[in-house]
Amino acid sequence: GKVTSNLDDERLHSMTSHAFSLILILFSPIPVNRKEQALTMWLRAICKIEVDEDITASQKAGNIHAEIFAALSGDDFSRAASIAMKHGHIMLAMIITNATATSG
């Protein structure tokens, strides 16, 4: 129906916008290190949408571990630690937090 059509239109607009921003990054006359940084930020933005969807689906399914894994896969360690803490997995939250501190 109309709601599905609006969602499809939003998704198409989002995909088109992301595609043009990628083209701008790839073909801009900027130094390579800035291009790599811009590409990394672009990839994070693209992945965030799917990561958020995965976290929401895992929450609805009651799968705490999949929820934490989805946050980690999106490079969102603080969110993963918060999810673990919220569900009483204090040691796991500490391990995630410690991994962030040592890898950064």
N, C-alpha and C. Protein backbone atom coordinates (compact mmCIF):
# COMPACT_ATOMS: atom_id res chain seq x y z
N GLY A 1 0.80 -1.18 0.00
CA GLY A 1 0.00 0.00 0.00
C GLY A 1 0.85 1.25 0.00
N LYS A 2 0.21 2.33 0.40
CA LYS A 2 0.87 3.64 0.38
C LYS A 2 2.04 3.72 1.35
N VAL A 3 1.93 3.08 2.53
CA VAL A 3 3.02 3.12 3.50
C VAL A 3 4.25 2.43 2.93
N THR A 4 4.05 1.27 2.32
CA THR A 4 5.16 0.55 1.70
C THR A 4 5.79 1.38 0.60
N SER A 5 4.97 2.03 -0.20
CA SER A 5 5.47 2.86 -1.29
C SER A 5 6.31 4.02 -0.74
N ASN A 6 5.85 4.64 0.35
CA ASN A 6 6.62 5.73 0.95
C ASN A 6 7.96 5.23 1.48
N LEU A 7 7.96 4.03 2.11
CA LEU A 7 9.21 3.45 2.60
C LEU A 7 10.15 3.14 1.45
N ASP A 8 9.61 2.60 0.36
CA ASP A 8 10.43 2.30 -0.81
C ASP A 8 11.01 3.59 -1.40
N ASP A 9 10.20 4.64 -1.45
CA ASP A 9 10.67 5.93 -1.96
C ASP A 9 11.79 6.48 -1.07
N GLU A 10 11.61 6.38 0.25
CA GLU A 10 12.64 6.86 1.18
C GLU A 10 13.93 6.08 1.00
N ARG A 11 13.81 4.76 0.87
CA ARG A 11 14.99 3.91 0.71
C ARG A 11 15.71 4.23 -0.61
N LEU A 12 14.93 4.43 -1.68
CA LEU A 12 15.52 4.78 -2.97
C LEU A 12 16.22 6.13 -2.90
N HIS A 13 15.59 7.09 -2.25
CA HIS A 13 16.21 8.41 -2.08
C HIS A 13 17.50 8.29 -1.28
N SER A 14 17.46 7.50 -0.22
CA SER A 14 18.64 7.31 0.63
C SER A 14 19.77 6.65 -0.16
N MET A 15 19.44 5.60 -0.91
CA MET A 15 20.45 4.90 -1.70
C MET A 15 21.06 5.83 -2.75
N THR A 16 20.22 6.62 -3.40
CA THR A 16 20.70 7.55 -4.42
C THR A 16 21.62 8.60 -3.80
N SER A 17 21.21 9.13 -2.66
CA SER A 17 22.03 10.11 -1.95
C SER A 17 23.38 9.54 -1.56
N HIS A 18 23.37 8.31 -1.03
CA HIS A 18 24.63 7.66 -0.65
C HIS A 18 25.51 7.38 -1.86
N ALA A 19 24.90 7.01 -2.98
CA ALA A 19 25.67 6.74 -4.19
C ALA A 19 26.37 8.01 -4.68
N PHE A 20 25.65 9.11 -4.69
CA PHE A 20 26.25 10.37 -5.13
C PHE A 20 27.34 10.84 -4.18
N SER A 21 27.14 10.63 -2.89
CA SER A 21 28.19 11.04 -1.94
C SER A 21 29.44 10.18 -2.13
N LEU A 22 29.27 8.90 -2.47
CA LEU A 22 30.42 8.03 -2.75
C LEU A 22 31.15 8.50 -4.00
N ILE A 23 30.41 8.83 -5.04
CA ILE A 23 31.03 9.34 -6.27
C ILE A 23 31.83 10.60 -5.97
N LEU A 24 31.26 11.48 -5.16
CA LEU A 24 31.95 12.71 -4.79
C LEU A 24 33.27 12.41 -4.06
N ILE A 25 33.22 11.44 -3.14
CA ILE A 25 34.43 11.06 -2.40
C ILE A 25 35.49 10.50 -3.35
N LEU A 26 35.07 9.58 -4.21
CA LEU A 26 36.02 8.88 -5.07
C LEU A 26 36.66 9.77 -6.13
N PHE A 27 35.91 10.75 -6.63
CA PHE A 27 36.41 11.54 -7.75
C PHE A 27 36.80 12.97 -7.37
N SER A 28 36.79 13.28 -6.09
CA SER A 28 37.21 14.61 -5.64
C SER A 28 38.73 14.73 -5.70
N PRO A 29 39.22 15.92 -6.03
CA PRO A 29 40.67 16.13 -6.04
C PRO A 29 41.19 16.45 -4.63
N ILE A 30 41.00 15.51 -3.71
CA ILE A 30 41.48 15.70 -2.35
C ILE A 30 42.60 14.70 -2.08
N PRO A 31 43.46 14.99 -1.12
CA PRO A 31 44.56 14.06 -0.81
C PRO A 31 44.04 12.67 -0.44
N VAL A 32 44.83 11.67 -0.73
CA VAL A 32 44.44 10.27 -0.52
C VAL A 32 44.06 10.00 0.93
N ASN A 33 44.83 10.53 1.88
CA ASN A 33 44.51 10.25 3.28
C ASN A 33 43.15 10.82 3.67
N ARG A 34 42.79 11.97 3.13
CA ARG A 34 41.45 12.53 3.41
C ARG A 34 40.38 11.73 2.70
N LYS A 35 40.71 11.20 1.52
CA LYS A 35 39.77 10.37 0.77
C LYS A 35 39.48 9.08 1.53
N GLU A 36 40.54 8.48 2.09
CA GLU A 36 40.38 7.25 2.88
C GLU A 36 39.52 7.52 4.11
N GLN A 37 39.75 8.64 4.75
CA GLN A 37 38.97 9.03 5.93
C GLN A 37 37.50 9.24 5.56
N ALA A 38 37.27 9.91 4.45
CA ALA A 38 35.89 10.16 3.99
C ALA A 38 35.20 8.85 3.62
N LEU A 39 35.95 7.95 2.98
CA LEU A 39 35.38 6.65 2.61
C LEU A 39 35.02 5.83 3.85
N THR A 40 35.88 5.86 4.87
CA THR A 40 35.60 5.16 6.13
C THR A 40 34.33 5.71 6.77
N MET A 41 34.20 7.02 6.80
CA MET A 41 32.99 7.63 7.38
C MET A 41 31.75 7.27 6.57
N TRP A 42 31.88 7.22 5.25
CA TRP A 42 30.77 6.86 4.37
C TRP A 42 30.34 5.42 4.65
N LEU A 43 31.32 4.50 4.75
CA LEU A 43 30.99 3.10 5.02
C LEU A 43 30.29 2.93 6.37
N ARG A 44 30.75 3.65 7.38
CA ARG A 44 30.10 3.59 8.70
C ARG A 44 28.66 4.06 8.62
N ALA A 45 28.43 5.13 7.89
CA ALA A 45 27.07 5.67 7.75
C ALA A 45 26.16 4.67 7.05
N ILE A 46 26.68 4.02 6.00
CA ILE A 46 25.90 3.04 5.26
C ILE A 46 25.59 1.83 6.15
N CYS A 47 26.60 1.36 6.86
CA CYS A 47 26.42 0.17 7.70
C CYS A 47 25.53 0.44 8.91
N LYS A 48 25.53 1.66 9.39
CA LYS A 48 24.76 2.00 10.58
C LYS A 48 23.28 1.70 10.39
N ILE A 49 22.77 1.96 9.21
CA ILE A 49 21.36 1.71 8.92
C ILE A 49 21.04 0.23 9.11
N GLU A 50 21.84 -0.63 8.51
CA GLU A 50 21.60 -2.08 8.64
C GLU A 50 21.88 -2.59 10.04
N VAL A 51 22.89 -2.04 10.69
CA VAL A 51 23.21 -2.44 12.06
C VAL A 51 22.04 -2.11 12.97
N ASP A 52 21.49 -0.91 12.83
CA ASP A 52 20.33 -0.52 13.64
C ASP A 52 19.14 -1.45 13.39
N GLU A 53 18.94 -1.83 12.12
CA GLU A 53 17.86 -2.77 11.80
C GLU A 53 18.12 -4.14 12.43
N ASP A 54 19.38 -4.59 12.39
CA ASP A 54 19.73 -5.88 12.99
C ASP A 54 19.54 -5.86 14.51
N ILE A 55 19.92 -4.76 15.14
CA ILE A 55 19.76 -4.65 16.60
C ILE A 55 18.28 -4.67 16.95
N THR A 56 17.47 -3.93 16.21
CA THR A 56 16.03 -3.89 16.46
C THR A 56 15.41 -5.28 16.27
N ALA A 57 15.80 -5.97 15.21
CA ALA A 57 15.27 -7.32 14.96
C ALA A 57 15.68 -8.28 16.08
N SER A 58 16.91 -8.17 16.54
CA SER A 58 17.39 -9.02 17.63
C SER A 58 16.66 -8.72 18.93
N GLN A 59 16.38 -7.44 19.18
CA GLN A 59 15.62 -7.06 20.37
C GLN A 59 14.23 -7.69 20.34
N LYS A 60 13.58 -7.57 19.17
CA LYS A 60 12.22 -8.13 19.02
C LYS A 60 12.22 -9.64 19.20
N ALA A 61 13.30 -10.29 18.76
CA ALA A 61 13.40 -11.75 18.87
C ALA A 61 13.87 -12.17 20.26
N GLY A 62 14.28 -11.21 21.07
CA GLY A 62 14.77 -11.53 22.40
C GLY A 62 16.14 -12.20 22.40
N ASN A 63 16.90 -11.97 21.34
CA ASN A 63 18.23 -12.58 21.21
C ASN A 63 19.30 -11.57 21.62
N ILE A 64 19.63 -11.58 22.89
CA ILE A 64 20.57 -10.62 23.46
C ILE A 64 21.95 -10.70 22.79
N HIS A 65 22.41 -11.92 22.57
CA HIS A 65 23.75 -12.09 22.01
C HIS A 65 23.83 -11.60 20.57
N ALA A 66 22.77 -11.80 19.80
CA ALA A 66 22.74 -11.28 18.42
C ALA A 66 22.69 -9.76 18.44
N GLU A 67 22.00 -9.22 19.43
CA GLU A 67 21.91 -7.76 19.58
C GLU A 67 23.30 -7.18 19.85
N ILE A 68 24.04 -7.80 20.75
CA ILE A 68 25.40 -7.35 21.07
C ILE A 68 26.32 -7.52 19.86
N PHE A 69 26.21 -8.67 19.19
CA PHE A 69 27.04 -8.93 18.01
C PHE A 69 26.77 -7.90 16.91
N ALA A 70 25.49 -7.55 16.71
CA ALA A 70 25.16 -6.56 15.69
C ALA A 70 25.82 -5.22 16.00
N ALA A 71 25.78 -4.81 17.27
CA ALA A 71 26.43 -3.55 17.66
C ALA A 71 27.93 -3.63 17.42
N LEU A 72 28.55 -4.75 17.78
CA LEU A 72 29.99 -4.91 17.56
C LEU A 72 30.33 -4.91 16.07
N SER A 73 29.48 -5.54 15.26
CA SER A 73 29.75 -5.58 13.82
C SER A 73 29.68 -4.20 13.19
N GLY A 74 28.94 -3.30 13.84
CA GLY A 74 28.86 -1.92 13.36
C GLY A 74 29.90 -1.01 13.99
N ASP A 75 30.87 -1.62 14.69
CA ASP A 75 31.96 -0.88 15.33
C ASP A 75 31.44 0.07 16.40
N ASP A 76 30.32 -0.32 17.04
CA ASP A 76 29.74 0.50 18.10
C ASP A 76 29.92 -0.22 19.43
N PHE A 77 31.15 -0.14 19.94
CA PHE A 77 31.51 -0.86 21.15
C PHE A 77 30.76 -0.34 22.37
N SER A 78 30.55 0.96 22.45
CA SER A 78 29.84 1.50 23.62
C SER A 78 28.40 1.03 23.64
N ARG A 79 27.78 0.95 22.48
CA ARG A 79 26.41 0.43 22.41
C ARG A 79 26.37 -1.05 22.78
N ALA A 80 27.33 -1.82 22.31
CA ALA A 80 27.39 -3.24 22.65
C ALA A 80 27.57 -3.43 24.15
N ALA A 81 28.44 -2.62 24.75
CA ALA A 81 28.66 -2.71 26.20
C ALA A 81 27.40 -2.32 26.95
N SER A 82 26.71 -1.30 26.49
CA SER A 82 25.46 -0.87 27.13
C SER A 82 24.39 -1.96 27.07
N ILE A 83 24.29 -2.61 25.92
CA ILE A 83 23.33 -3.70 25.76
C ILE A 83 23.67 -4.83 26.72
N ALA A 84 24.94 -5.19 26.78
CA ALA A 84 25.38 -6.26 27.68
C ALA A 84 25.06 -5.90 29.13
N MET A 85 25.36 -4.68 29.51
CA MET A 85 25.12 -4.22 30.88
C MET A 85 23.63 -4.23 31.20
N LYS A 86 22.83 -3.76 30.25
CA LYS A 86 21.37 -3.69 30.43
C LYS A 86 20.78 -5.07 30.72
N HIS A 87 21.39 -6.10 30.16
CA HIS A 87 20.88 -7.46 30.33
C HIS A 87 21.63 -8.24 31.41
N GLY A 88 22.42 -7.53 32.20
CA GLY A 88 23.07 -8.16 33.34
C GLY A 88 24.37 -8.88 33.03
N HIS A 89 24.90 -8.70 31.85
CA HIS A 89 26.17 -9.32 31.47
C HIS A 89 27.30 -8.34 31.77
N ILE A 90 27.56 -8.15 33.04
CA ILE A 90 28.51 -7.13 33.49
C ILE A 90 29.93 -7.45 33.04
N MET A 91 30.35 -8.70 33.17
CA MET A 91 31.71 -9.09 32.76
C MET A 91 31.90 -8.89 31.25
N LEU A 92 30.89 -9.26 30.47
CA LEU A 92 30.97 -9.07 29.03
C LEU A 92 31.08 -7.59 28.70
N ALA A 93 30.30 -6.76 29.38
CA ALA A 93 30.37 -5.31 29.16
C ALA A 93 31.77 -4.79 29.48
N MET A 94 32.36 -5.31 30.55
CA MET A 94 33.71 -4.88 30.92
C MET A 94 34.74 -5.32 29.89
N ILE A 95 34.59 -6.53 29.37
CA ILE A 95 35.51 -7.04 28.34
C ILE A 95 35.41 -6.18 27.08
N ILE A 96 34.19 -5.87 26.68
CA ILE A 96 33.98 -5.03 25.49
C ILE A 96 34.61 -3.66 25.70
N THR A 97 34.37 -3.07 26.86
CA THR A 97 34.92 -1.76 27.16
C THR A 97 36.45 -1.80 27.18
N ASN A 98 37.01 -2.86 27.77
CA ASN A 98 38.46 -3.01 27.82
C ASN A 98 39.04 -3.20 26.43
N ALA A 99 38.36 -3.95 25.58
CA ALA A 99 38.84 -4.16 24.21
C ALA A 99 38.87 -2.84 23.45
N THR A 100 37.90 -2.00 23.70
CA THR A 100 37.87 -0.68 23.06
C THR A 100 39.04 0.16 23.53
N ALA A 101 39.30 0.14 24.81
CA ALA A 101 40.38 0.95 25.39
C ALA A 101 41.75 0.51 24.87
N THR A 102 41.95 -0.79 24.71
CA THR A 102 43.26 -1.29 24.27
C THR A 102 43.46 -1.21 22.77
N SER A 103 42.36 -1.23 21.98
CA SER A 103 42.52 -1.19 20.53
C SER A 103 42.59 0.23 19.98
N GLY A 104 42.10 1.21 20.76
CA GLY A 104 42.08 2.60 20.26
C GLY A 104 43.31 3.28 20.58
